[in-house]
C-alpha atoms as a PDB file:
ATOM      1  CA  MET A   1     110.784  45.907 156.113  1.00  0.00           C
ATOM      2  CA  GLN A   2     111.046  47.707 152.977  1.00  0.00           C
ATOM      3  CA  GLY A   3     108.011  47.416 150.668  1.00  0.00           C
ATOM      4  CA  ASP A   4     106.694  48.316 147.330  1.00  0.00           C
ATOM      5  CA  THR A   5     103.672  50.144 148.733  1.00  0.00           C
ATOM      6  CA  ARG A   6     100.558  50.574 146.212  1.00  0.00           C
ATOM      7  CA  TRP A   7      99.543  54.149 146.199  1.00  0.00           C
ATOM      8  CA  HIS A   8      96.120  54.712 147.535  1.00  0.00           C
ATOM      9  CA  ASP A   9      95.111  51.066 147.845  1.00  0.00           C
ATOM     10  CA  ALA A  10      94.851  49.633 151.400  1.00  0.00           C
ATOM     11  CA  ALA A  11      93.477  46.330 150.420  1.00  0.00           C
ATOM     12  CA  ALA A  12      96.432  45.591 148.148  1.00  0.00           C
ATOM     13  CA  ASN A  13      98.820  46.915 150.587  1.00  0.00           C
ATOM     14  CA  ARG A  14      97.329  44.475 153.201  1.00  0.00           C
ATOM     15  CA  GLU A  15      97.457  41.891 150.959  1.00  0.00           C
ATOM     16  CA  TYR A  16     101.239  42.476 149.882  1.00  0.00           C
ATOM     17  CA  TYR A  17     102.608  43.247 153.625  1.00  0.00           C
ATOM     18  CA  GLY A  18     100.593  40.378 154.961  1.00  0.00           C
ATOM     19  CA  GLU A  19     102.496  38.082 152.405  1.00  0.00           C
ATOM     20  CA  LEU A  20     105.738  39.494 153.457  1.00  0.00           C
ATOM     21  CA  LEU A  21     105.290  39.296 156.762  1.00  0.00           C
ATOM     22  CA  ARG A  22     103.771  35.905 156.875  1.00  0.00           C
ATOM     23  CA  SER A  23     107.238  35.056 155.189  1.00  0.00           C
ATOM     24  CA  LEU A  24     108.788  35.922 158.572  1.00  0.00           C
ATOM     25  CA  LYS A  25     106.750  33.273 160.802  1.00  0.00           C
ATOM     26  CA  GLY A  26     109.012  31.024 162.695  1.00  0.00           C
ATOM     27  CA  GLN A  27     112.276  32.860 162.000  1.00  0.00           C
ATOM     28  CA  GLY A  28     112.271  34.502 165.301  1.00  0.00           C
ATOM     29  CA  SER A  29     111.456  37.857 164.521  1.00  0.00           C
ATOM     30  CA  ASP A  30     110.050  39.912 167.528  1.00  0.00           C
ATOM     31  CA  LEU A  31     109.811  43.277 166.050  1.00  0.00           C
ATOM     32  CA  ILE A  32     108.814  44.227 162.461  1.00  0.00           C
ATOM     33  CA  MET A  33     108.883  47.507 161.117  1.00  0.00           C
ATOM     34  CA  LEU A  34     106.842  48.913 158.298  1.00  0.00           C
ATOM     35  CA  PRO A  35     107.257  52.261 156.467  1.00  0.00           C
ATOM     36  CA  GLU A  36     105.360  55.591 157.137  1.00  0.00           C
ATOM     37  CA  THR A  37     101.737  55.157 155.897  1.00  0.00           C
ATOM     38  CA  PHE A  38     102.577  51.953 154.478  1.00  0.00           C
ATOM     39  CA  LEU A  39      98.626  51.440 153.728  1.00  0.00           C
ATOM     40  CA  SER A  40      98.245  54.439 151.432  1.00  0.00           C
ATOM     41  CA  GLY A  41     101.418  55.569 150.621  1.00  0.00           C
ATOM     42  CA  PHE A  42     102.442  59.094 151.610  1.00  0.00           C
ATOM     43  CA  THR A  43      99.381  61.187 150.667  1.00  0.00           C
ATOM     44  CA  ASN A  44      97.986  64.476 150.639  1.00  0.00           C
ATOM     45  CA  ASP A  45      94.507  62.935 150.071  1.00  0.00           C
ATOM     46  CA  THR A  46      93.903  62.467 153.783  1.00  0.00           C
ATOM     47  CA  LEU A  47      89.866  62.609 153.903  1.00  0.00           C
ATOM     48  CA  HIS A  48      89.656  59.550 151.539  1.00  0.00           C
ATOM     49  CA  GLN A  49      92.551  57.440 152.743  1.00  0.00           C
ATOM     50  CA  ALA A  50      92.309  57.862 156.499  1.00  0.00           C
ATOM     51  CA  GLU A  51      90.985  54.988 158.712  1.00  0.00           C
ATOM     52  CA  ASP A  52      89.367  55.042 162.041  1.00  0.00           C
ATOM     53  CA  MET A  53      91.407  53.024 164.690  1.00  0.00           C
ATOM     54  CA  ASP A  54      88.442  50.428 164.499  1.00  0.00           C
ATOM     55  CA  GLY A  55      89.054  50.179 160.732  1.00  0.00           C
ATOM     56  CA  ALA A  56      90.082  47.412 158.775  1.00  0.00           C
ATOM     57  CA  GLY A  57      93.995  48.657 158.718  1.00  0.00           C
ATOM     58  CA  VAL A  58      93.985  48.223 162.496  1.00  0.00           C
ATOM     59  CA  HIS A  59      92.083  45.029 162.933  1.00  0.00           C
ATOM     60  CA  TRP A  60      94.406  43.607 159.963  1.00  0.00           C
ATOM     61  CA  LEU A  61      97.737  44.444 161.823  1.00  0.00           C
ATOM     62  CA  ARG A  62      96.299  43.414 165.153  1.00  0.00           C
ATOM     63  CA  ALA A  63      95.498  39.664 163.804  1.00  0.00           C
ATOM     64  CA  LEU A  64      98.859  39.742 162.077  1.00  0.00           C
ATOM     65  CA  ALA A  65     100.741  40.603 165.180  1.00  0.00           C
ATOM     66  CA  ALA A  66      98.771  37.823 167.265  1.00  0.00           C
ATOM     67  CA  ASP A  67      99.591  35.570 164.204  1.00  0.00           C
ATOM     68  CA  LEU A  68     103.215  36.236 164.288  1.00  0.00           C
ATOM     69  CA  GLY A  69     103.948  36.509 168.005  1.00  0.00           C
ATOM     70  CA  ALA A  70     105.560  39.848 167.129  1.00  0.00           C
ATOM     71  CA  VAL A  71     105.412  43.611 167.584  1.00  0.00           C
ATOM     72  CA  ILE A  72     104.679  45.112 164.203  1.00  0.00           C
ATOM     73  CA  THR A  73     104.938  48.998 164.068  1.00  0.00           C
ATOM     74  CA  GLY A  74     104.042  51.468 161.218  1.00  0.00           C
ATOM     75  CA  SER A  75     102.163  54.506 160.569  1.00  0.00           C
ATOM     76  CA  LEU A  76      98.484  54.871 159.395  1.00  0.00           C
ATOM     77  CA  VAL A  77      96.608  57.846 158.233  1.00  0.00           C
ATOM     78  CA  VAL A  78      94.252  57.807 161.110  1.00  0.00           C
ATOM     79  CA  ARG A  79      90.728  59.928 161.512  1.00  0.00           C
ATOM     80  CA  GLU A  80      89.632  60.435 165.108  1.00  0.00           C
ATOM     81  CA  GLY A  81      87.439  63.124 166.397  1.00  0.00           C
ATOM     82  CA  GLY A  82      87.042  64.887 163.050  1.00  0.00           C
ATOM     83  CA  ARG A  83      90.730  65.732 162.923  1.00  0.00           C
ATOM     84  CA  TYR A  84      93.410  63.666 160.911  1.00  0.00           C
ATOM     85  CA  PHE A  85      96.897  62.094 162.202  1.00  0.00           C
ATOM     86  CA  ASN A  86      99.931  60.278 160.837  1.00  0.00           C
ATOM     87  CA  ARG A  87      99.637  57.656 163.662  1.00  0.00           C
ATOM     88  CA  LEU A  88     102.717  55.324 164.394  1.00  0.00           C
ATOM     89  CA  LEU A  89     101.072  52.294 165.770  1.00  0.00           C
ATOM     90  CA  TRP A  90     102.985  49.802 168.151  1.00  0.00           C
ATOM     91  CA  MET A  91     100.964  46.679 167.724  1.00  0.00           C
ATOM     92  CA  GLN A  92     101.679  44.115 170.211  1.00  0.00           C
ATOM     93  CA  PRO A  93     100.762  40.102 169.802  1.00  0.00           C
ATOM     94  CA  ASP A  94      98.600  40.384 172.912  1.00  0.00           C
ATOM     95  CA  GLY A  95      96.391  43.184 171.007  1.00  0.00           C
ATOM     96  CA  GLN A  96      97.510  46.206 172.962  1.00  0.00           C
ATOM     97  CA  CYS A  97      98.259  49.030 170.730  1.00  0.00           C
ATOM     98  CA  PRO A  98     100.243  52.462 172.173  1.00  0.00           C
ATOM     99  CA  HIS A  99     100.413  55.119 169.478  1.00  0.00           C
ATOM    100  CA  TYR A 100     102.043  58.231 168.632  1.00  0.00           C
ATOM    101  CA  ASP A 101     100.840  60.919 166.569  1.00  0.00           C
ATOM    102  CA  LYS A 102     103.347  62.582 164.480  1.00  0.00           C
ATOM    103  CA  ARG A 103     103.899  66.364 165.702  1.00  0.00           C
ATOM    104  CA  HIS A 104     106.267  67.780 163.172  1.00  0.00           C
ATOM    105  CA  LEU A 105     104.645  67.266 160.235  1.00  0.00           C
ATOM    106  CA  PHE A 106     106.018  67.924 156.496  1.00  0.00           C
ATOM    107  CA  ARG A 107     105.129  71.675 155.823  1.00  0.00           C
ATOM    108  CA  MET A 108     106.283  71.881 152.250  1.00  0.00           C
ATOM    109  CA  ALA A 109     103.468  69.606 151.244  1.00  0.00           C
ATOM    110  CA  GLY A 110     100.828  71.236 153.542  1.00  0.00           C
ATOM    111  CA  GLU A 111     100.582  68.100 155.761  1.00  0.00           C
ATOM    112  CA  HIS A 112     100.725  70.263 158.908  1.00  0.00           C
ATOM    113  CA  GLU A 113      97.443  72.443 157.686  1.00  0.00           C
ATOM    114  CA  ARG A 114      95.067  69.055 157.863  1.00  0.00           C
END
């Protein structure tokens, strides 16, 4: 799903993407793909934009996947153990959330240094 991500405004992005995704309810979608870093926009401000895995973004995504009965995937800037990750989540309707941390980071913007 392509969207108009609001730069550095996770609450507005949850509202915006929530409305878009809820419009798919009952249409037979079983996989919904969101843009990379859809809650913050692509950012070099990881310290202020990162969320924990038990934060509002992950809870919101879990509830939405359950409500829609679909897998929702997209990446967030995640803080874990004092480190920061561009983490792809695979949120399943049953609440399970396998994930993948991006390994080949964008060097031109210094993403690899965080």
